[in-house]
PDB file of N, CA and C in Angstrom:
ATOM      1  N   MET A   1     271.771  98.080  85.996  1.00  0.00           N
ATOM      2  CA  MET A   1     271.110  99.207  86.805  1.00  0.00           C
ATOM      3  C   MET A   1     270.740 100.335  85.843  1.00  0.00           C
ATOM      4  N   ASP A   2     269.646 100.825  85.916  1.00  0.00           N
ATOM      5  CA  ASP A   2     269.128 101.981  85.143  1.00  0.00           C
ATOM      6  C   ASP A   2     269.937 103.281  85.664  1.00  0.00           C
ATOM      7  N   LEU A   3     270.504 104.090  84.760  1.00  0.00           N
ATOM      8  CA  LEU A   3     271.222 105.192  85.227  1.00  0.00           C
ATOM      9  C   LEU A   3     270.416 106.219  86.163  1.00  0.00           C
ATOM     10  N   LYS A   4     269.139 106.193  85.973  1.00  0.00           N
ATOM     11  CA  LYS A   4     268.249 107.025  86.833  1.00  0.00           C
ATOM     12  C   LYS A   4     268.363 106.502  88.311  1.00  0.00           C
ATOM     13  N   GLN A   5     268.720 105.204  88.450  1.00  0.00           N
ATOM     14  CA  GLN A   5     268.707 104.567  89.787  1.00  0.00           C
ATOM     15  C   GLN A   5     270.074 104.476  90.353  1.00  0.00           C
ATOM     16  N   ARG A   6     271.035 105.198  89.701  1.00  0.00           N
ATOM     17  CA  ARG A   6     272.453 105.203  90.280  1.00  0.00           C
ATOM     18  C   ARG A   6     272.424 105.677  91.682  1.00  0.00           C
ATOM     19  N   PRO A   7     273.278 105.094  92.530  1.00  0.00           N
ATOM     20  CA  PRO A   7     273.439 105.604  93.840  1.00  0.00           C
ATOM     21  C   PRO A   7     273.815 107.106  93.831  1.00  0.00           C
ATOM     22  N   LYS A   8     273.383 107.963  94.890  1.00  0.00           N
ATOM     23  CA  LYS A   8     273.660 109.271  94.977  1.00  0.00           C
ATOM     24  C   LYS A   8     275.196 109.358  95.256  1.00  0.00           C
ATOM     25  N   ARG A   9     275.672 110.646  94.856  1.00  0.00           N
ATOM     26  CA  ARG A   9     277.133 110.863  95.152  1.00  0.00           C
ATOM     27  C   ARG A   9     277.354 110.766  96.644  1.00  0.00           C
ATOM     28  N   GLY A  10     278.507 110.182  97.043  1.00  0.00           N
ATOM     29  CA  GLY A  10     278.758 110.000  98.400  1.00  0.00           C
ATOM     30  C   GLY A  10     278.431 108.597  99.003  1.00  0.00           C
ATOM     31  N   THR A  11     277.730 107.913  98.186  1.00  0.00           N
ATOM     32  CA  THR A  11     277.392 106.544  98.572  1.00  0.00           C
ATOM     33  C   THR A  11     278.644 105.657  98.658  1.00  0.00           C
ATOM     34  N   PHE A  12     279.564 105.855  97.862  1.00  0.00           N
ATOM     35  CA  PHE A  12     280.712 104.959  97.876  1.00  0.00           C
ATOM     36  C   PHE A  12     281.884 105.448  98.741  1.00  0.00           C
ATOM     37  N   MET A  13     281.776 106.474  99.427  1.00  0.00           N
ATOM     38  CA  MET A  13     282.801 106.988 100.325  1.00  0.00           C
ATOM     39  C   MET A  13     282.908 106.101 101.463  1.00  0.00           C
ATOM     40  N   CYS A  14     284.004 105.691 101.859  1.00  0.00           N
ATOM     41  CA  CYS A  14     284.270 104.687 102.957  1.00  0.00           C
ATOM     42  C   CYS A  14     284.449 105.449 104.276  1.00  0.00           C
ATOM     43  N   SER A  15     283.696 105.088 105.235  1.00  0.00           N
ATOM     44  CA  SER A  15     283.809 105.745 106.524  1.00  0.00           C
ATOM     45  C   SER A  15     285.169 105.358 107.243  1.00  0.00           C
ATOM     46  N   LYS A  16     285.626 106.071 108.253  1.00  0.00           N
ATOM     47  CA  LYS A  16     286.925 105.704 108.860  1.00  0.00           C
ATOM     48  C   LYS A  16     286.797 104.320 109.479  1.00  0.00           C
ATOM     49  N   SER A  17     285.666 104.085 110.176  1.00  0.00           N
ATOM     50  CA  SER A  17     285.478 102.844 110.769  1.00  0.00           C
ATOM     51  C   SER A  17     285.476 101.653 109.782  1.00  0.00           C
ATOM     52  N   ASN A  18     284.786 101.812 108.614  1.00  0.00           N
ATOM     53  CA  ASN A  18     284.769 100.844 107.594  1.00  0.00           C
ATOM     54  C   ASN A  18     286.138 100.668 106.967  1.00  0.00           C
ATOM     55  N   LEU A  19     286.846 101.787 106.795  1.00  0.00           N
ATOM     56  CA  LEU A  19     288.197 101.646 106.199  1.00  0.00           C
ATOM     57  C   LEU A  19     289.149 100.935 107.099  1.00  0.00           C
ATOM     58  N   ASN A  20     289.011 101.145 108.517  1.00  0.00           N
ATOM     59  CA  ASN A  20     289.846 100.350 109.424  1.00  0.00           C
ATOM     60  C   ASN A  20     289.480  98.836 109.373  1.00  0.00           C
ATOM     61  N   ASP A  21     288.288  98.619 109.317  1.00  0.00           N
ATOM     62  CA  ASP A  21     287.821  97.174 109.230  1.00  0.00           C
ATOM     63  C   ASP A  21     288.362  96.568 107.821  1.00  0.00           C
ATOM     64  N   LEU A  22     288.123  97.300 106.807  1.00  0.00           N
ATOM     65  CA  LEU A  22     288.596  96.841 105.532  1.00  0.00           C
ATOM     66  C   LEU A  22     290.231  96.527 105.515  1.00  0.00           C
ATOM     67  N   LEU A  23     290.956  97.451 106.091  1.00  0.00           N
ATOM     68  CA  LEU A  23     292.338  97.304 106.092  1.00  0.00           C
ATOM     69  C   LEU A  23     292.763  96.180 106.969  1.00  0.00           C
ATOM     70  N   SER A  24     292.052  95.993 108.088  1.00  0.00           N
ATOM     71  CA  SER A  24     292.383  94.922 108.936  1.00  0.00           C
ATOM     72  C   SER A  24     292.164  93.538 108.246  1.00  0.00           C
ATOM     73  N   GLU A  25     290.995  93.431 107.477  1.00  0.00           N
ATOM     74  CA  GLU A  25     290.700  92.261 106.741  1.00  0.00           C
ATOM     75  C   GLU A  25     291.651  91.971 105.675  1.00  0.00           C
ATOM     76  N   VAL A  26     292.142  93.057 104.987  1.00  0.00           N
ATOM     77  CA  VAL A  26     293.178  92.939 103.961  1.00  0.00           C
ATOM     78  C   VAL A  26     294.476  92.382 104.576  1.00  0.00           C
ATOM     79  N   ALA A  27     294.864  93.037 105.669  1.00  0.00           N
ATOM     80  CA  ALA A  27     296.193  92.629 106.356  1.00  0.00           C
ATOM     81  C   ALA A  27     296.073  91.148 106.767  1.00  0.00           C
ATOM     82  N   GLN A  28     295.038  90.716 107.343  1.00  0.00           N
ATOM     83  CA  GLN A  28     294.817  89.355 107.802  1.00  0.00           C
ATOM     84  C   GLN A  28     294.877  88.457 106.657  1.00  0.00           C
ATOM     85  N   TYR A  29     294.156  88.768 105.553  1.00  0.00           N
ATOM     86  CA  TYR A  29     294.127  87.820 104.476  1.00  0.00           C
ATOM     87  C   TYR A  29     295.511  87.728 103.722  1.00  0.00           C
ATOM     88  N   ALA A  30     296.171  88.953 103.682  1.00  0.00           N
ATOM     89  CA  ALA A  30     297.454  88.943 103.020  1.00  0.00           C
ATOM     90  C   ALA A  30     298.485  88.057 103.887  1.00  0.00           C
ATOM     91  N   GLN A  31     298.365  88.193 105.153  1.00  0.00           N
ATOM     92  CA  GLN A  31     299.284  87.449 106.063  1.00  0.00           C
ATOM     93  C   GLN A  31     298.996  85.904 105.853  1.00  0.00           C
ATOM     94  N   GLU A  32     297.758  85.550 105.811  1.00  0.00           N
ATOM     95  CA  GLU A  32     297.321  84.104 105.641  1.00  0.00           C
ATOM     96  C   GLU A  32     297.755  83.646 104.164  1.00  0.00           C
ATOM     97  N   TYR A  33     297.608  84.430 103.258  1.00  0.00           N
ATOM     98  CA  TYR A  33     297.844  84.113 101.891  1.00  0.00           C
ATOM     99  C   TYR A  33     299.357  83.995 101.508  1.00  0.00           C
ATOM    100  N   PHE A  34     300.169  85.032 101.980  1.00  0.00           N
ATOM    101  CA  PHE A  34     301.613  85.062 101.563  1.00  0.00           C
ATOM    102  C   PHE A  34     302.496  84.607 102.721  1.00  0.00           C
ATOM    103  N   GLY A  35     302.005  84.512 103.968  1.00  0.00           N
ATOM    104  CA  GLY A  35     302.780  84.084 105.049  1.00  0.00           C
ATOM    105  C   GLY A  35     304.095  84.967 105.193  1.00  0.00           C
ATOM    106  N   SER A  36     305.266  84.274 105.371  1.00  0.00           N
ATOM    107  CA  SER A  36     306.383  85.038 105.688  1.00  0.00           C
ATOM    108  C   SER A  36     306.944  85.823 104.501  1.00  0.00           C
ATOM    109  N   SER A  37     306.372  85.554 103.320  1.00  0.00           N
ATOM    110  CA  SER A  37     306.736  86.369 102.119  1.00  0.00           C
ATOM    111  C   SER A  37     306.179  87.710 102.177  1.00  0.00           C
ATOM    112  N   LEU A  38     305.145  87.981 103.036  1.00  0.00           N
ATOM    113  CA  LEU A  38     304.627  89.372 103.098  1.00  0.00           C
ATOM    114  C   LEU A  38     305.582  90.287 103.800  1.00  0.00           C
ATOM    115  N   ASP A  39     305.945  91.372 103.071  1.00  0.00           N
ATOM    116  CA  ASP A  39     306.801  92.392 103.706  1.00  0.00           C
ATOM    117  C   ASP A  39     306.059  93.517 104.307  1.00  0.00           C
ATOM    118  N   ALA A  40     304.988  94.091 103.514  1.00  0.00           N
ATOM    119  CA  ALA A  40     304.200  95.164 104.002  1.00  0.00           C
ATOM    120  C   ALA A  40     302.881  95.268 103.274  1.00  0.00           C
ATOM    121  N   VAL A  41     301.963  95.879 103.977  1.00  0.00           N
ATOM    122  CA  VAL A  41     300.635  96.218 103.463  1.00  0.00           C
ATOM    123  C   VAL A  41     300.587  97.804 103.566  1.00  0.00           C
ATOM    124  N   ILE A  42     300.454  98.491 102.479  1.00  0.00           N
ATOM    125  CA  ILE A  42     300.648  99.917 102.577  1.00  0.00           C
ATOM    126  C   ILE A  42     299.382 100.561 101.812  1.00  0.00           C
ATOM    127  N   LEU A  43     298.695 101.396 102.635  1.00  0.00           N
ATOM    128  CA  LEU A  43     297.552 102.208 102.055  1.00  0.00           C
ATOM    129  C   LEU A  43     298.178 103.440 101.456  1.00  0.00           C
ATOM    130  N   TYR A  44     297.873 103.743 100.132  1.00  0.00           N
ATOM    131  CA  TYR A  44     298.415 104.995  99.579  1.00  0.00           C
ATOM    132  C   TYR A  44     297.232 105.658  98.786  1.00  0.00           C
ATOM    133  N   GLY A  45     297.593 106.764  98.296  1.00  0.00           N
ATOM    134  CA  GLY A  45     296.585 107.617  97.504  1.00  0.00           C
ATOM    135  C   GLY A  45     295.712 108.395  98.459  1.00  0.00           C
ATOM    136  N   SER A  46     294.555 108.770  98.017  1.00  0.00           N
ATOM    137  CA  SER A  46     293.768 109.803  98.716  1.00  0.00           C
ATOM    138  C   SER A  46     293.274 109.422 100.107  1.00  0.00           C
ATOM    139  N   TYR A  47     293.027 108.052 100.347  1.00  0.00           N
ATOM    140  CA  TYR A  47     292.659 107.711 101.739  1.00  0.00           C
ATOM    141  C   TYR A  47     293.892 107.896 102.642  1.00  0.00           C
ATOM    142  N   ALA A  48     295.062 107.592 102.177  1.00  0.00           N
ATOM    143  CA  ALA A  48     296.247 107.787 103.015  1.00  0.00           C
ATOM    144  C   ALA A  48     296.504 109.198 103.349  1.00  0.00           C
ATOM    145  N   ARG A  49     296.292 110.027 102.294  1.00  0.00           N
ATOM    146  CA  ARG A  49     296.534 111.492 102.489  1.00  0.00           C
ATOM    147  C   ARG A  49     295.428 112.222 103.264  1.00  0.00           C
ATOM    148  N   GLY A  50     294.304 111.554 103.303  1.00  0.00           N
ATOM    149  CA  GLY A  50     293.182 112.152 104.061  1.00  0.00           C
ATOM    150  C   GLY A  50     292.314 113.105 103.213  1.00  0.00           C
ATOM    151  N   ASP A  51     292.477 112.965 101.899  1.00  0.00           N
ATOM    152  CA  ASP A  51     291.590 113.791 100.980  1.00  0.00           C
ATOM    153  C   ASP A  51     290.683 113.086 100.026  1.00  0.00           C
ATOM    154  N   ALA A  52     290.267 111.873 100.574  1.00  0.00           N
ATOM    155  CA  ALA A  52     289.471 111.063  99.782  1.00  0.00           C
ATOM    156  C   ALA A  52     288.043 111.786  99.600  1.00  0.00           C
ATOM    157  N   ASP A  53     287.452 111.536  98.422  1.00  0.00           N
ATOM    158  CA  ASP A  53     286.089 111.939  98.252  1.00  0.00           C
ATOM    159  C   ASP A  53     285.205 110.730  97.817  1.00  0.00           C
ATOM    160  N   ASP A  54     283.986 111.113  97.394  1.00  0.00           N
ATOM    161  CA  ASP A  54     283.079 110.002  97.049  1.00  0.00           C
ATOM    162  C   ASP A  54     283.366 109.183  95.860  1.00  0.00           C
ATOM    163  N   GLU A  55     284.416 109.627  95.115  1.00  0.00           N
ATOM    164  CA  GLU A  55     284.789 108.960  93.893  1.00  0.00           C
ATOM    165  C   GLU A  55     286.187 108.266  94.078  1.00  0.00           C
ATOM    166  N   SER A  56     286.760 108.381  95.309  1.00  0.00           N
ATOM    167  CA  SER A  56     288.006 107.729  95.541  1.00  0.00           C
ATOM    168  C   SER A  56     287.890 106.228  95.757  1.00  0.00           C
ATOM    169  N   ASP A  57     289.007 105.574  95.312  1.00  0.00           N
ATOM    170  CA  ASP A  57     289.086 104.126  95.607  1.00  0.00           C
ATOM    171  C   ASP A  57     290.071 104.000  96.657  1.00  0.00           C
ATOM    172  N   VAL A  58     290.095 102.882  97.323  1.00  0.00           N
ATOM    173  CA  VAL A  58     291.094 102.544  98.369  1.00  0.00           C
ATOM    174  C   VAL A  58     292.191 101.816  97.773  1.00  0.00           C
ATOM    175  N   ASP A  59     293.429 102.505  97.655  1.00  0.00           N
ATOM    176  CA  ASP A  59     294.614 101.979  97.012  1.00  0.00           C
ATOM    177  C   ASP A  59     295.417 101.308  97.986  1.00  0.00           C
ATOM    178  N   ILE A  60     295.822 100.058  97.703  1.00  0.00           N
ATOM    179  CA  ILE A  60     296.658  99.245  98.658  1.00  0.00           C
ATOM    180  C   ILE A  60     297.715  98.514  97.851  1.00  0.00           C
ATOM    181  N   MET A  61     298.991  98.733  98.295  1.00  0.00           N
ATOM    182  CA  MET A  61     300.125  98.081  97.815  1.00  0.00           C
ATOM    183  C   MET A  61     300.492  96.861  98.778  1.00  0.00           C
ATOM    184  N   LEU A  62     300.629  95.762  98.247  1.00  0.00           N
ATOM    185  CA  LEU A  62     301.183  94.642  98.943  1.00  0.00           C
ATOM    186  C   LEU A  62     302.651  94.401  98.459  1.00  0.00           C
ATOM    187  N   LEU A  63     303.618  94.574  99.385  1.00  0.00           N
ATOM    188  CA  LEU A  63     304.990  94.293  99.047  1.00  0.00           C
ATOM    189  C   LEU A  63     305.274  92.753  99.476  1.00  0.00           C
ATOM    190  N   ILE A  64     305.737  92.084  98.533  1.00  0.00           N
ATOM    191  CA  ILE A  64     305.908  90.611  98.690  1.00  0.00           C
ATOM    192  C   ILE A  64     307.334  90.288  98.305  1.00  0.00           C
ATOM    193  N   LYS A  65     307.953  89.395  99.169  1.00  0.00           N
ATOM    194  CA  LYS A  65     309.206  88.841  98.903  1.00  0.00           C
ATOM    195  C   LYS A  65     309.113  87.638  97.959  1.00  0.00           C
ATOM    196  N   ARG A  66     308.671  87.895  96.797  1.00  0.00           N
ATOM    197  CA  ARG A  66     308.644  86.870  95.740  1.00  0.00           C
ATOM    198  C   ARG A  66     308.863  87.559  94.409  1.00  0.00           C
ATOM    199  N   SER A  67     309.152  86.801  93.362  1.00  0.00           N
ATOM    200  CA  SER A  67     309.396  87.342  92.083  1.00  0.00           C
ATOM    201  C   SER A  67     308.138  87.963  91.418  1.00  0.00           C
ATOM    202  N   ALA A  68     308.439  88.971  90.483  1.00  0.00           N
ATOM    203  CA  ALA A  68     307.358  89.531  89.771  1.00  0.00           C
ATOM    204  C   ALA A  68     306.452  88.472  89.011  1.00  0.00           C
ATOM    205  N   GLU A  69     307.191  87.529  88.497  1.00  0.00           N
ATOM    206  CA  GLU A  69     306.494  86.398  87.730  1.00  0.00           C
ATOM    207  C   GLU A  69     305.518  85.650  88.707  1.00  0.00           C
ATOM    208  N   GLU A  70     305.950  85.366  89.869  1.00  0.00           N
ATOM    209  CA  GLU A  70     305.170  84.634  90.804  1.00  0.00           C
ATOM    210  C   GLU A  70     303.872  85.581  91.154  1.00  0.00           C
ATOM    211  N   LEU A  71     304.161  86.825  91.364  1.00  0.00           N
ATOM    212  CA  LEU A  71     303.032  87.711  91.740  1.00  0.00           C
ATOM    213  C   LEU A  71     302.047  87.949  90.562  1.00  0.00           C
ATOM    214  N   ALA A  72     302.469  87.928  89.323  1.00  0.00           N
ATOM    215  CA  ALA A  72     301.544  88.040  88.252  1.00  0.00           C
ATOM    216  C   ALA A  72     300.501  86.985  88.339  1.00  0.00           C
ATOM    217  N   ALA A  73     300.901  85.754  88.712  1.00  0.00           N
ATOM    218  CA  ALA A  73     299.940  84.726  88.804  1.00  0.00           C
ATOM    219  C   ALA A  73     298.869  84.795  89.915  1.00  0.00           C
ATOM    220  N   GLN A  74     299.229  85.653  90.867  1.00  0.00           N
ATOM    221  CA  GLN A  74     298.277  85.914  92.002  1.00  0.00           C
ATOM    222  C   GLN A  74     297.211  87.072  91.778  1.00  0.00           C
ATOM    223  N   ARG A  75     297.416  87.799  90.694  1.00  0.00           N
ATOM    224  CA  ARG A  75     296.502  88.959  90.556  1.00  0.00           C
ATOM    225  C   ARG A  75     295.049  88.624  90.457  1.00  0.00           C
ATOM    226  N   LYS A  76     294.806  87.565  89.839  1.00  0.00           N
ATOM    227  CA  LYS A  76     293.391  87.090  89.664  1.00  0.00           C
ATOM    228  C   LYS A  76     292.666  86.863  91.060  1.00  0.00           C
ATOM    229  N   VAL A  77     293.480  86.215  91.891  1.00  0.00           N
ATOM    230  CA  VAL A  77     293.001  85.927  93.285  1.00  0.00           C
ATOM    231  C   VAL A  77     292.596  87.292  93.992  1.00  0.00           C
ATOM    232  N   TRP A  78     293.571  88.201  93.934  1.00  0.00           N
ATOM    233  CA  TRP A  78     293.411  89.385  94.545  1.00  0.00           C
ATOM    234  C   TRP A  78     292.329  90.381  93.962  1.00  0.00           C
ATOM    235  N   THR A  79     292.125  90.248  92.680  1.00  0.00           N
ATOM    236  CA  THR A  79     291.016  90.944  92.015  1.00  0.00           C
ATOM    237  C   THR A  79     289.693  90.383  92.592  1.00  0.00           C
ATOM    238  N   LYS A  80     289.567  89.078  92.731  1.00  0.00           N
ATOM    239  CA  LYS A  80     288.379  88.555  93.252  1.00  0.00           C
ATOM    240  C   LYS A  80     288.164  88.922  94.726  1.00  0.00           C
ATOM    241  N   PHE A  81     289.216  88.882  95.532  1.00  0.00           N
ATOM    242  CA  PHE A  81     289.174  89.272  96.931  1.00  0.00           C
ATOM    243  C   PHE A  81     288.661  90.803  96.961  1.00  0.00           C
ATOM    244  N   GLY A  82     289.305  91.646  96.095  1.00  0.00           N
ATOM    245  CA  GLY A  82     288.898  93.044  96.104  1.00  0.00           C
ATOM    246  C   GLY A  82     287.461  93.242  95.723  1.00  0.00           C
ATOM    247  N   THR A  83     286.957  92.420  94.738  1.00  0.00           N
ATOM    248  CA  THR A  83     285.483  92.560  94.450  1.00  0.00           C
ATOM    249  C   THR A  83     284.692  92.194  95.670  1.00  0.00           C
ATOM    250  N   ALA A  84     285.049  91.284  96.444  1.00  0.00           N
ATOM    251  CA  ALA A  84     284.211  90.887  97.630  1.00  0.00           C
ATOM    252  C   ALA A  84     284.221  92.014  98.595  1.00  0.00           C
ATOM    253  N   LEU A  85     285.409  92.622  98.701  1.00  0.00           N
ATOM    254  CA  LEU A  85     285.529  93.829  99.635  1.00  0.00           C
ATOM    255  C   LEU A  85     284.710  94.969  99.130  1.00  0.00           C
ATOM    256  N   ASP A  86     284.716  95.163  97.817  1.00  0.00           N
ATOM    257  CA  ASP A  86     283.936  96.260  97.208  1.00  0.00           C
ATOM    258  C   ASP A  86     282.510  96.178  97.559  1.00  0.00           C
ATOM    259  N   LEU A  87     281.950  94.942  97.465  1.00  0.00           N
ATOM    260  CA  LEU A  87     280.558  94.663  97.832  1.00  0.00           C
ATOM    261  C   LEU A  87     280.275  94.754  99.247  1.00  0.00           C
ATOM    262  N   LYS A  88     281.189  94.237 100.125  1.00  0.00           N
ATOM    263  CA  LYS A  88     280.962  94.243 101.529  1.00  0.00           C
ATOM    264  C   LYS A  88     281.039  95.632 102.120  1.00  0.00           C
ATOM    265  N   TYR A  89     282.005  96.484 101.727  1.00  0.00           N
ATOM    266  CA  TYR A  89     282.272  97.859 102.207  1.00  0.00           C
ATOM    267  C   TYR A  89     281.695  98.982 101.390  1.00  0.00           C
ATOM    268  N   ASN A  90     281.151  98.644 100.297  1.00  0.00           N
ATOM    269  CA  ASN A  90     280.534  99.680  99.283  1.00  0.00           C
ATOM    270  C   ASN A  90     281.605 100.768  98.929  1.00  0.00           C
ATOM    271  N   VAL A  91     282.808 100.278  98.580  1.00  0.00           N
ATOM    272  CA  VAL A  91     283.852 101.144  98.042  1.00  0.00           C
ATOM    273  C   VAL A  91     284.704 100.260  97.094  1.00  0.00           C
ATOM    274  N   PHE A  92     285.337 101.029  96.206  1.00  0.00           N
ATOM    275  CA  PHE A  92     286.187 100.388  95.264  1.00  0.00           C
ATOM    276  C   PHE A  92     287.565 100.174  95.839  1.00  0.00           C
ATOM    277  N   THR A  93     288.114  98.964  95.774  1.00  0.00           N
ATOM    278  CA  THR A  93     289.481  98.695  96.246  1.00  0.00           C
ATOM    279  C   THR A  93     290.399  98.439  95.096  1.00  0.00           C
ATOM    280  N   SER A  94     291.618  98.786  95.158  1.00  0.00           N
ATOM    281  CA  SER A  94     292.612  98.603  94.067  1.00  0.00           C
ATOM    282  C   SER A  94     293.891  98.061  94.753  1.00  0.00           C
ATOM    283  N   PHE A  95     294.300  96.873  94.341  1.00  0.00           N
ATOM    284  CA  PHE A  95     295.521  96.217  94.859  1.00  0.00           C
ATOM    285  C   PHE A  95     296.630  96.341  93.848  1.00  0.00           C
ATOM    286  N   TRP A  96     297.766  96.699  94.408  1.00  0.00           N
ATOM    287  CA  TRP A  96     299.032  96.651  93.617  1.00  0.00           C
ATOM    288  C   TRP A  96     299.912  95.638  94.256  1.00  0.00           C
ATOM    289  N   LEU A  97     300.132  94.489  93.631  1.00  0.00           N
ATOM    290  CA  LEU A  97     301.116  93.515  94.146  1.00  0.00           C
ATOM    291  C   LEU A  97     302.448  93.832  93.550  1.00  0.00           C
ATOM    292  N   GLN A  98     303.401  94.062  94.480  1.00  0.00           N
ATOM    293  CA  GLN A  98     304.788  94.494  94.107  1.00  0.00           C
ATOM    294  C   GLN A  98     305.836  93.536  94.729  1.00  0.00           C
ATOM    295  N   ASP A  99     306.810  93.218  93.985  1.00  0.00           N
ATOM    296  CA  ASP A  99     307.887  92.400  94.599  1.00  0.00           C
ATOM    297  C   ASP A  99     308.720  93.373  95.316  1.00  0.00           C
ATOM    298  N   ALA A 100     309.043  93.049  96.648  1.00  0.00           N
ATOM    299  CA  ALA A 100     309.788  93.905  97.491  1.00  0.00           C
ATOM    300  C   ALA A 100     311.143  94.314  96.958  1.00  0.00           C
ATOM    301  N   ASP A 101     311.910  93.338  96.357  1.00  0.00           N
ATOM    302  CA  ASP A 101     313.226  93.724  95.843  1.00  0.00           C
ATOM    303  C   ASP A 101     313.197  94.847  94.925  1.00  0.00           C
ATOM    304  N   THR A 102     312.309  94.809  93.957  1.00  0.00           N
ATOM    305  CA  THR A 102     312.148  95.936  92.937  1.00  0.00           C
ATOM    306  C   THR A 102     311.765  97.225  93.634  1.00  0.00           C
ATOM    307  N   PHE A 103     310.822  97.132  94.513  1.00  0.00           N
ATOM    308  CA  PHE A 103     310.397  98.359  95.267  1.00  0.00           C
ATOM    309  C   PHE A 103     311.504  99.019  96.017  1.00  0.00           C
ATOM    310  N   TYR A 104     312.236  98.325  96.788  1.00  0.00           N
ATOM    311  CA  TYR A 104     313.251  98.875  97.574  1.00  0.00           C
ATOM    312  C   TYR A 104     314.462  99.344  96.736  1.00  0.00           C
ATOM    313  N   SER A 105     314.687  98.621  95.631  1.00  0.00           N
ATOM    314  CA  SER A 105     315.853  98.981  94.757  1.00  0.00           C
ATOM    315  C   SER A 105     315.493 100.267  93.952  1.00  0.00           C
ATOM    316  N   TRP A 106     314.253 100.571  93.689  1.00  0.00           N
ATOM    317  CA  TRP A 106     313.889 101.658  92.898  1.00  0.00           C
ATOM    318  C   TRP A 106     313.003 102.779  93.538  1.00  0.00           C
ATOM    319  N   LYS A 107     312.899 102.690  94.845  1.00  0.00           N
ATOM    320  CA  LYS A 107     312.070 103.577  95.656  1.00  0.00           C
ATOM    321  C   LYS A 107     312.595 105.085  95.572  1.00  0.00           C
ATOM    322  N   ASP A 108     313.874 105.255  95.394  1.00  0.00           N
ATOM    323  CA  ASP A 108     314.344 106.605  95.296  1.00  0.00           C
ATOM    324  C   ASP A 108     314.479 107.129  93.808  1.00  0.00           C
ATOM    325  N   VAL A 109     314.188 106.236  92.857  1.00  0.00           N
ATOM    326  CA  VAL A 109     314.275 106.563  91.428  1.00  0.00           C
ATOM    327  C   VAL A 109     312.888 106.758  90.837  1.00  0.00           C
ATOM    328  N   MET A 110     312.002 105.839  91.105  1.00  0.00           N
ATOM    329  CA  MET A 110     310.665 105.932  90.506  1.00  0.00           C
ATOM    330  C   MET A 110     309.768 106.784  91.300  1.00  0.00           C
ATOM    331  N   PRO A 111     309.190 107.775  90.601  1.00  0.00           N
ATOM    332  CA  PRO A 111     308.220 108.690  91.341  1.00  0.00           C
ATOM    333  C   PRO A 111     307.046 107.965  92.097  1.00  0.00           C
ATOM    334  N   PHE A 112     306.493 107.007  91.431  1.00  0.00           N
ATOM    335  CA  PHE A 112     305.394 106.249  92.027  1.00  0.00           C
ATOM    336  C   PHE A 112     305.889 105.629  93.377  1.00  0.00           C
ATOM    337  N   PHE A 113     306.937 104.999  93.322  1.00  0.00           N
ATOM    338  CA  PHE A 113     307.451 104.333  94.647  1.00  0.00           C
ATOM    339  C   PHE A 113     307.859 105.325  95.564  1.00  0.00           C
ATOM    340  N   ASN A 114     308.508 106.463  95.124  1.00  0.00           N
ATOM    341  CA  ASN A 114     308.919 107.487  96.065  1.00  0.00           C
ATOM    342  C   ASN A 114     307.663 108.161  96.796  1.00  0.00           C
ATOM    343  N   ASN A 115     306.636 108.302  96.010  1.00  0.00           N
ATOM    344  CA  ASN A 115     305.382 108.871  96.491  1.00  0.00           C
ATOM    345  C   ASN A 115     304.756 107.923  97.579  1.00  0.00           C
ATOM    346  N   ILE A 116     304.782 106.693  97.369  1.00  0.00           N
ATOM    347  CA  ILE A 116     304.375 105.726  98.367  1.00  0.00           C
ATOM    348  C   ILE A 116     305.214 105.738  99.663  1.00  0.00           C
ATOM    349  N   ILE A 117     306.443 105.959  99.531  1.00  0.00           N
ATOM    350  CA  ILE A 117     307.329 106.108 100.614  1.00  0.00           C
ATOM    351  C   ILE A 117     306.917 107.376 101.481  1.00  0.00           C
ATOM    352  N   LYS A 118     306.633 108.451 100.693  1.00  0.00           N
ATOM    353  CA  LYS A 118     306.314 109.709 101.409  1.00  0.00           C
ATOM    354  C   LYS A 118     304.917 109.770 102.006  1.00  0.00           C
ATOM    355  N   GLU A 119     303.967 109.236 101.225  1.00  0.00           N
ATOM    356  CA  GLU A 119     302.595 109.410 101.658  1.00  0.00           C
ATOM    357  C   GLU A 119     301.864 108.136 102.189  1.00  0.00           C
ATOM    358  N   GLY A 120     302.473 106.995 101.949  1.00  0.00           N
ATOM    359  CA  GLY A 120     301.851 105.733 102.254  1.00  0.00           C
ATOM    360  C   GLY A 120     301.779 105.495 103.773  1.00  0.00           C
ATOM    361  N   VAL A 121     300.770 104.740 104.171  1.00  0.00           N
ATOM    362  CA  VAL A 121     300.644 104.374 105.520  1.00  0.00           C
ATOM    363  C   VAL A 121     300.717 102.879 105.691  1.00  0.00           C
ATOM    364  N   ARG A 122     301.759 102.384 106.443  1.00  0.00           N
ATOM    365  CA  ARG A 122     301.934 100.944 106.611  1.00  0.00           C
ATOM    366  C   ARG A 122     300.821 100.398 107.574  1.00  0.00           C
ATOM    367  N   ILE A 123     300.213  99.343 107.211  1.00  0.00           N
ATOM    368  CA  ILE A 123     299.231  98.723 107.929  1.00  0.00           C
ATOM    369  C   ILE A 123     299.890  97.643 108.734  1.00  0.00           C
ATOM    370  N   ARG A 124     299.644  97.588 109.933  1.00  0.00           N
ATOM    371  CA  ARG A 124     300.159  96.574 110.903  1.00  0.00           C
ATOM    372  C   ARG A 124     299.665  95.222 110.450  1.00  0.00           C
ATOM    373  N   VAL A 125     300.574  94.268 110.263  1.00  0.00           N
ATOM    374  CA  VAL A 125     300.139  92.933 109.848  1.00  0.00           C
ATOM    375  C   VAL A 125     300.378  91.920 111.029  1.00  0.00           C
TER     376      VAL A 125
END
């Protein structure tokens, strides 16, 4: 795309309705993909805080009851899924696949995990 033809600012901001649809789609896909291993789907970052702007991405953590090694092998699948969502909803999505044991063990120690506990919004699965 020619830089002169770039979308105007605000084009990538996700409406509340689209965000709800996107999150429902993520929760459904995560439940189908991980089954009983899925512990939580959590929206975090600017969309969770309510201060998203036109340059914000949709940050989503998936807490999974599997080893970090097993989850590393799944990242490519979720990157492809995220790309499909990006195109469908015209917003950038970012997935963080996290093993639940590590998250719960370190949530009070690691600032990133602690911030997700404080500001994150659990999505009903």
